[in-house]
């Protein structure tokens, strides 16, 4: 009796041990539950511009840039775009990026000539490189390295951010038949083009785009250049001036720029840095494509629907402006070592590309 009782206890113990062992085996062999990776951190940037919010072409480019960055990064880098005056005044974009008020900016380098004289060469030079040539100089002719060097003291990284192509010569309420017609003329014209106008006897005025129409309509300025038919029509400049002159000797291929606060950019992971760079390149080309297409129909509307007279600057006027331009740009370069370094690179590239384009681009266009 005692023996059977003892055996029953032993048997129960063995069974219990077996069950526990089986349970442990199951726990040890069961696959571990997958641990969900934490959601990627979202980085938020501010981008300020010199253009009115969503202005055709110029103002839409940074919006497209922000959308492409968001799409390619799968939402990891989100950029909020502010138009001129929404966060900072139009002509304070460079300072805002330099100081870190905004991580990025979009504008034109000649607006900062008072702070960075050499910057003008990375926007446009009168009678200088066209859009195709300027892109090539920056990307493959040493221009980008010089541009980065010029902006380095301000903690700003530059990238090409669009190009409007050859611009129009400007809007006037009187005919321009000789250089004397520019004497005393108050004209909105930025950058090196403004320096040339001043030496030709005119008075250059720097205004952000959003103030041009009112200034021209009220007589604060006598004439203005802006961009070309697409943007000029959007601003209604045909309502304030009658004569529309060409070619845009002062802006033969104006490059726009993206600027980035260096600390903010370098804090990004490498893949996000690459996304920003690729998006900027895409926008740079896309803008030139858009302006080439949009200017066509806009010019037709200005002429056919609004009766605008399109005039060509007289050859004599263009020839004299070209001489003044060459002298002006060289003197500015000779008086500033930083400008001279950029000027020498620019002029060297221009000399080479002009020779080739004489027998390629120009020869084809003339033949066509």
Protein backbone atom coordinates (compact mmCIF):
# COMPACT_ATOMS: atom_id res chain seq x y z
CA UNK A 1 0.00 0.00 0.00
CA UNK A 2 2.75 2.40 0.96
CA UNK A 3 4.79 1.22 -2.04
CA UNK A 4 1.95 1.89 -4.51
CA UNK A 5 1.35 5.31 -2.95
CA UNK A 6 5.02 6.13 -3.25
CA UNK A 7 5.10 5.01 -6.87
CA UNK A 8 2.07 7.12 -7.67
CA UNK A 9 3.80 10.20 -6.24
CA UNK A 10 6.98 9.41 -8.20
CA UNK A 11 4.96 8.88 -11.38
CA UNK A 12 3.13 12.15 -10.92
CA UNK A 13 6.44 13.92 -10.40
CA UNK A 14 7.93 12.43 -13.54
CA UNK A 15 4.85 13.39 -15.56
CA UNK A 16 4.99 16.90 -14.19
CA UNK A 17 8.65 17.18 -15.08
CA UNK A 18 7.95 15.97 -18.61
CA UNK A 19 5.15 18.48 -19.07
CA UNK A 20 7.32 21.31 -17.77
CA UNK A 21 10.15 20.21 -20.08
CA UNK A 22 7.81 20.15 -23.07
CA UNK A 23 6.52 23.58 -22.18
CA UNK A 24 10.06 24.95 -21.95
CA UNK A 25 10.98 23.33 -25.28
CA UNK A 26 8.02 25.03 -26.91
CA UNK A 27 8.97 28.37 -25.42
CA UNK A 28 12.57 28.00 -26.51
CA UNK A 29 11.74 26.95 -30.07
CA UNK A 30 8.89 29.42 -30.64
CA UNK A 31 9.91 32.25 -33.02
CA UNK A 32 10.46 35.61 -31.38
CA UNK A 33 7.91 38.28 -32.13
CA UNK A 34 9.14 40.91 -34.64
CA UNK A 35 10.01 44.22 -33.06
CA UNK A 36 8.75 47.17 -35.08
CA UNK A 37 11.44 49.68 -36.02
CA UNK A 38 10.83 53.19 -34.71
CA UNK A 39 9.39 55.61 -37.23
CA UNK A 40 12.09 57.73 -38.92
CA UNK A 41 12.58 61.15 -37.42
CA UNK A 42 11.00 63.99 -39.38
CA UNK A 43 13.23 67.02 -39.98
CA UNK A 44 11.46 70.32 -40.57
CA UNK A 45 13.06 73.18 -42.49
CA UNK A 46 12.02 76.71 -43.42
CA UNK A 47 12.81 78.06 -46.89
CA UNK A 48 12.53 81.81 -47.54
CA UNK A 49 12.40 83.38 -51.00
CA UNK A 50 12.75 86.72 -52.72
CA UNK A 51 9.59 86.10 -54.76
CA UNK A 52 5.89 86.58 -54.05
CA UNK A 53 4.31 83.37 -52.77
CA UNK A 54 3.56 80.96 -55.66
CA UNK A 55 4.51 83.56 -58.29
CA UNK A 56 4.59 81.83 -61.72
CA UNK A 57 7.94 80.22 -62.43
CA UNK A 58 10.14 81.96 -59.87
CA UNK A 59 7.89 81.47 -56.87
CA UNK A 60 6.68 78.02 -57.89
CA UNK A 61 10.21 76.60 -58.21
CA UNK A 62 10.91 76.44 -54.44
CA UNK A 63 7.46 74.92 -53.90
CA UNK A 64 8.28 72.17 -56.43
CA UNK A 65 11.64 71.68 -54.75
CA UNK A 66 10.00 71.18 -51.34
CA UNK A 67 7.53 68.65 -52.77
CA UNK A 68 10.27 66.65 -54.51
CA UNK A 69 12.40 66.54 -51.36
CA UNK A 70 9.38 65.36 -49.35
CA UNK A 71 8.57 62.69 -51.95
CA UNK A 72 12.12 61.36 -52.33
CA UNK A 73 12.76 61.33 -48.59
CA UNK A 74 9.44 59.62 -47.87
CA UNK A 75 8.49 62.50 -45.61
CA UNK A 76 11.71 62.52 -43.58
CA UNK A 77 12.61 66.06 -44.66
CA UNK A 78 9.75 68.52 -44.85
CA UNK A 79 10.33 72.07 -46.10
CA UNK A 80 7.88 74.92 -45.58
CA UNK A 81 8.23 77.68 -48.16
CA UNK A 82 7.74 81.34 -47.28
CA UNK A 83 7.21 84.00 -49.93
CA UNK A 84 8.85 87.41 -49.83
CA UNK A 85 7.83 89.30 -46.71
CA UNK A 86 6.10 86.37 -45.01
CA UNK A 87 9.02 85.59 -42.71
CA UNK A 88 11.76 87.98 -43.85
CA UNK A 89 11.87 90.81 -46.42
CA UNK A 90 12.67 89.80 -49.99
CA UNK A 91 16.19 91.19 -50.03
CA UNK A 92 17.17 89.71 -46.66
CA UNK A 93 17.01 86.07 -47.72
CA UNK A 94 20.79 85.60 -47.76
CA UNK A 95 21.15 87.02 -44.24
CA UNK A 96 18.31 84.85 -42.95
CA UNK A 97 19.99 81.69 -44.23
CA UNK A 98 23.42 82.78 -43.01
CA UNK A 99 22.10 83.50 -39.52
CA UNK A 100 20.01 80.32 -39.33
CA UNK A 101 16.65 82.10 -39.22
CA UNK A 102 15.79 79.77 -42.09
CA UNK A 103 17.63 76.63 -43.17
CA UNK A 104 17.25 77.39 -46.87
CA UNK A 105 16.59 80.21 -49.31
CA UNK A 106 15.79 80.82 -52.97
CA UNK A 107 16.74 83.99 -54.80
CA UNK A 108 19.30 85.50 -57.17
CA UNK A 109 22.92 86.06 -56.19
CA UNK A 110 23.16 89.63 -57.50
CA UNK A 111 20.77 90.80 -54.78
CA UNK A 112 23.59 90.37 -52.25
CA UNK A 113 26.21 92.35 -54.17
CA UNK A 114 26.53 94.89 -51.34
CA UNK A 115 27.59 92.11 -48.98
CA UNK A 116 29.26 89.73 -51.46
CA UNK A 117 30.39 91.59 -54.62
CA UNK A 118 31.64 88.42 -56.32
CA UNK A 119 28.20 86.82 -55.99
CA UNK A 120 26.94 88.73 -59.04
CA UNK A 121 28.91 86.51 -61.41
CA UNK A 122 26.87 83.51 -60.29
CA UNK A 123 23.63 85.20 -61.34
CA UNK A 124 24.47 86.96 -64.61
CA UNK A 125 26.94 89.28 -66.31
CA UNK A 126 25.94 91.79 -69.03
CA UNK A 127 26.80 90.39 -72.47
CA UNK A 128 28.06 87.30 -70.63
CA UNK A 129 27.11 83.62 -70.56
CA UNK A 130 23.69 82.38 -71.55
CA UNK A 131 21.82 79.79 -69.47
CA UNK A 132 23.42 76.74 -71.08
CA UNK A 133 26.89 78.25 -70.77
CA UNK A 134 26.45 79.44 -67.20
CA UNK A 135 25.21 76.03 -66.06
CA UNK A 136 28.27 74.48 -67.70
CA UNK A 137 30.71 76.92 -66.09
CA UNK A 138 29.26 76.33 -62.63
CA UNK A 139 29.01 72.55 -62.95
CA UNK A 140 32.09 71.70 -65.01
CA UNK A 141 34.21 74.84 -65.36
CA UNK A 142 35.21 75.46 -61.76
CA UNK A 143 32.44 77.93 -60.99
CA UNK A 144 30.81 75.93 -58.20
CA UNK A 145 34.03 75.62 -56.23
CA UNK A 146 34.55 79.39 -56.43
CA UNK A 147 30.92 80.03 -55.48
CA UNK A 148 31.26 77.83 -52.41
CA UNK A 149 34.49 79.64 -51.51
CA UNK A 150 32.81 83.05 -51.79
CA UNK A 151 29.91 82.00 -49.53
CA UNK A 152 32.03 80.04 -47.03
CA UNK A 153 32.65 82.99 -44.64
CA UNK A 154 28.87 83.39 -44.27
CA UNK A 155 28.19 79.73 -43.46
CA UNK A 156 26.11 79.35 -46.64
CA UNK A 157 26.17 76.58 -49.26
CA UNK A 158 24.97 77.57 -52.79
CA UNK A 159 23.40 75.44 -55.50
CA UNK A 160 21.92 76.32 -58.87
CA UNK A 161 18.18 76.80 -58.52
CA UNK A 162 16.76 77.63 -61.95
CA UNK A 163 17.39 79.83 -64.96
CA UNK A 164 15.09 82.17 -66.88
CA UNK A 165 17.12 82.13 -70.10
CA UNK A 166 17.83 85.32 -72.05
CA UNK A 167 15.59 88.01 -70.59
CA UNK A 168 13.87 90.95 -72.24
CA UNK A 169 15.52 94.37 -72.29
CA UNK A 170 12.85 96.18 -70.29
CA UNK A 171 9.70 98.30 -70.24
CA UNK A 172 9.77 101.99 -71.21
CA UNK A 173 7.29 104.76 -71.81
CA UNK A 174 9.55 106.42 -74.35
CA UNK A 175 11.55 105.17 -77.30
CA UNK A 176 15.24 104.40 -76.88
CA UNK A 177 16.97 105.58 -80.05
CA UNK A 178 20.37 106.52 -78.66
CA UNK A 179 22.44 106.35 -75.49
CA UNK A 180 21.30 109.89 -74.71
CA UNK A 181 17.80 108.55 -74.09
CA UNK A 182 19.15 106.74 -71.03
CA UNK A 183 20.46 109.94 -69.44
CA UNK A 184 18.76 110.55 -66.08
CA UNK A 185 16.49 107.53 -66.56
CA UNK A 186 15.44 105.92 -63.27
CA UNK A 187 15.26 102.23 -64.03
CA UNK A 188 14.74 99.20 -61.83
CA UNK A 189 17.72 97.04 -62.78
CA UNK A 190 19.86 94.99 -60.36
CA UNK A 191 23.40 93.66 -60.33
CA UNK A 192 26.13 94.49 -62.80
CA UNK A 193 23.51 95.66 -65.30
CA UNK A 194 22.67 98.47 -62.90
CA UNK A 195 26.35 99.44 -62.69
CA UNK A 196 26.49 99.68 -66.48
CA UNK A 197 23.31 101.77 -66.66
CA UNK A 198 24.76 104.18 -64.11
CA UNK A 199 27.90 104.66 -66.18
CA UNK A 200 25.70 105.21 -69.21
CA UNK A 201 24.02 108.12 -67.40
CA UNK A 202 20.99 106.42 -65.90
CA UNK A 203 20.00 105.83 -62.29
CA UNK A 204 19.65 102.17 -61.27
CA UNK A 205 17.04 101.33 -58.64
CA UNK A 206 16.91 98.02 -56.79
CA UNK A 207 13.40 96.82 -55.99
CA UNK A 208 11.98 93.38 -55.20
CA UNK A 209 9.57 92.03 -57.77
CA UNK A 210 6.45 92.69 -55.74
CA UNK A 211 7.07 96.47 -55.73
CA UNK A 212 7.84 96.99 -59.43
CA UNK A 213 4.37 97.57 -60.87
CA UNK A 214 3.38 100.26 -58.37
CA UNK A 215 6.72 102.04 -58.73
CA UNK A 216 6.40 102.09 -62.52
CA UNK A 217 2.73 103.09 -62.51
CA UNK A 218 3.24 105.97 -60.06
CA UNK A 219 6.38 107.29 -61.77
CA UNK A 220 8.74 106.43 -58.92
CA UNK A 221 10.78 104.77 -61.68
CA UNK A 222 10.76 105.59 -65.40
CA UNK A 223 11.48 102.10 -66.68
CA UNK A 224 12.01 98.57 -65.48
CA UNK A 225 13.31 95.22 -66.45
CA UNK A 226 11.91 92.13 -64.80
CA UNK A 227 12.24 88.77 -66.54
CA UNK A 228 10.38 88.07 -69.76
CA UNK A 229 6.86 87.77 -71.22
CA UNK A 230 5.72 84.98 -68.89
CA UNK A 231 6.47 86.84 -65.65
CA UNK A 232 5.99 90.36 -67.00
CA UNK A 233 2.46 89.53 -68.07
CA UNK A 234 1.72 88.05 -64.64
CA UNK A 235 2.78 91.34 -63.00
CA UNK A 236 0.72 93.37 -65.47
CA UNK A 237 3.67 95.54 -66.51
CA UNK A 238 2.00 96.13 -69.88
CA UNK A 239 -0.55 98.28 -68.04
CA UNK A 240 2.17 100.68 -66.90
CA UNK A 241 4.45 100.95 -69.94
CA UNK A 242 4.09 100.85 -73.71
CA UNK A 243 7.42 99.85 -75.23
CA UNK A 244 8.97 96.44 -74.65
CA UNK A 245 12.63 96.29 -75.63
CA UNK A 246 14.92 93.38 -76.45
CA UNK A 247 17.43 91.75 -76.13
CA UNK A 248 18.23 91.53 -72.43
CA UNK A 249 21.87 92.59 -72.76
CA UNK A 250 22.04 92.93 -68.99
CA UNK A 251 20.76 89.42 -68.18
CA UNK A 252 21.60 86.91 -70.93
CA UNK A 253 20.92 83.85 -68.77
CA UNK A 254 20.10 84.62 -65.18
CA UNK A 255 20.76 81.78 -62.76
CA UNK A 256 18.74 81.57 -59.57
CA UNK A 257 20.14 79.94 -56.48
CA UNK A 258 19.21 77.72 -53.60
CA UNK A 259 21.14 78.64 -50.46
CA UNK A 260 21.49 76.40 -47.42
CA UNK A 261 22.68 77.10 -43.92
CA UNK A 262 25.89 75.08 -43.76
CA UNK A 263 25.36 73.73 -40.23
CA UNK A 264 21.79 72.65 -41.03
CA UNK A 265 22.81 70.98 -44.30
CA UNK A 266 25.78 69.13 -42.81
CA UNK A 267 23.58 67.91 -39.94
CA UNK A 268 21.47 65.95 -42.42
CA UNK A 269 22.19 62.26 -43.01
CA UNK A 270 24.13 61.66 -46.22
CA UNK A 271 21.14 60.30 -48.10
CA UNK A 272 19.08 63.41 -47.33
CA UNK A 273 21.96 65.62 -48.43
CA UNK A 274 22.00 63.74 -51.74
CA UNK A 275 18.23 64.16 -52.10
CA UNK A 276 18.52 67.92 -51.60
CA UNK A 277 21.28 68.14 -54.22
CA UNK A 278 19.40 66.05 -56.77
CA UNK A 279 16.15 67.96 -56.23
CA UNK A 280 17.99 71.27 -56.77
CA UNK A 281 19.44 69.99 -60.05
CA UNK A 282 16.02 68.88 -61.21
CA UNK A 283 14.45 72.27 -60.45
CA UNK A 284 17.34 74.07 -62.15
CA UNK A 285 16.59 72.33 -65.45
CA UNK A 286 12.83 72.33 -65.04
CA UNK A 287 12.65 76.12 -64.72
CA UNK A 288 14.56 76.73 -67.94
CA UNK A 289 12.29 74.27 -69.74
CA UNK A 290 9.21 76.02 -68.40
CA UNK A 291 10.33 79.53 -69.34
CA UNK A 292 11.26 78.43 -72.85
CA UNK A 293 7.71 77.13 -73.30
CA UNK A 294 5.68 79.76 -71.40
CA UNK A 295 7.34 82.86 -72.87
CA UNK A 296 6.09 81.99 -76.34
CA UNK A 297 2.37 82.24 -75.68
CA UNK A 298 2.80 85.12 -73.21
CA UNK A 299 4.54 87.25 -75.85
CA UNK A 300 1.74 86.56 -78.31
CA UNK A 301 -0.82 87.70 -75.75
CA UNK A 302 1.09 90.91 -74.99
CA UNK A 303 1.30 91.81 -78.66
CA UNK A 304 -2.05 90.56 -79.97
CA UNK A 305 -4.33 91.25 -77.00
CA UNK A 306 -2.67 94.22 -75.32
CA UNK A 307 -1.09 96.08 -78.23
CA UNK A 308 2.41 96.17 -76.79
CA UNK A 309 5.12 97.39 -79.15
CA UNK A 310 8.14 95.11 -79.13
CA UNK A 311 11.26 97.07 -80.07
CA UNK A 312 14.87 96.04 -80.61
CA UNK A 313 17.55 98.18 -79.05
CA UNK A 314 19.39 100.02 -81.85
CA UNK A 315 22.69 98.39 -82.79
CA UNK A 316 24.54 101.57 -81.81
CA UNK A 317 23.06 101.51 -78.32
CA UNK A 318 23.93 97.84 -77.85
CA UNK A 319 27.48 98.40 -79.09
CA UNK A 320 28.02 101.28 -76.66
CA UNK A 321 26.52 99.38 -73.74
CA UNK A 322 28.81 96.45 -74.54
CA UNK A 323 31.90 98.66 -74.36
CA UNK A 324 30.75 100.20 -71.08
CA UNK A 325 29.93 96.77 -69.70
CA UNK A 326 33.35 95.35 -70.46
CA UNK A 327 35.06 98.32 -68.81
CA UNK A 328 32.78 98.26 -65.77
CA UNK A 329 33.11 94.57 -65.01
CA UNK A 330 36.90 94.64 -65.42
CA UNK A 331 37.30 97.65 -63.12
CA UNK A 332 35.15 96.04 -60.42
CA UNK A 333 37.27 92.90 -60.66
CA UNK A 334 40.58 94.79 -60.55
CA UNK A 335 39.57 96.50 -57.30
CA UNK A 336 38.70 93.31 -55.38
CA UNK A 337 40.91 90.19 -55.27
CA UNK A 338 37.95 87.91 -54.50
CA UNK A 339 36.01 89.29 -57.46
CA UNK A 340 39.11 89.06 -59.68
CA UNK A 341 39.49 85.36 -58.97
CA UNK A 342 35.91 84.68 -60.05
CA UNK A 343 36.16 87.10 -62.99
CA UNK A 344 39.27 85.37 -64.38
CA UNK A 345 37.58 81.96 -64.28
CA UNK A 346 34.40 83.35 -65.85
CA UNK A 347 36.24 85.13 -68.67
CA UNK A 348 38.45 82.14 -69.40
CA UNK A 349 35.44 79.87 -69.75
CA UNK A 350 33.57 82.42 -71.86
CA UNK A 351 36.43 82.74 -74.33
CA UNK A 352 36.47 78.99 -74.91
CA UNK A 353 32.73 78.45 -75.09
CA UNK A 354 32.18 81.39 -77.46
CA UNK A 355 34.59 79.88 -79.98
CA UNK A 356 32.81 76.56 -79.91
CA UNK A 357 29.32 78.04 -79.98
CA UNK A 358 30.20 80.13 -83.02
CA UNK A 359 30.36 76.92 -85.04
CA UNK A 360 27.66 75.03 -83.14
CA UNK A 361 24.74 76.77 -81.41
CA UNK A 362 25.02 80.14 -83.14
CA UNK A 363 25.83 78.66 -86.54
CA UNK A 364 22.83 76.36 -86.33
CA UNK A 365 20.42 79.10 -85.23
CA UNK A 366 21.59 81.35 -88.06
CA UNK A 367 21.23 78.53 -90.54
CA UNK A 368 17.78 77.62 -89.25
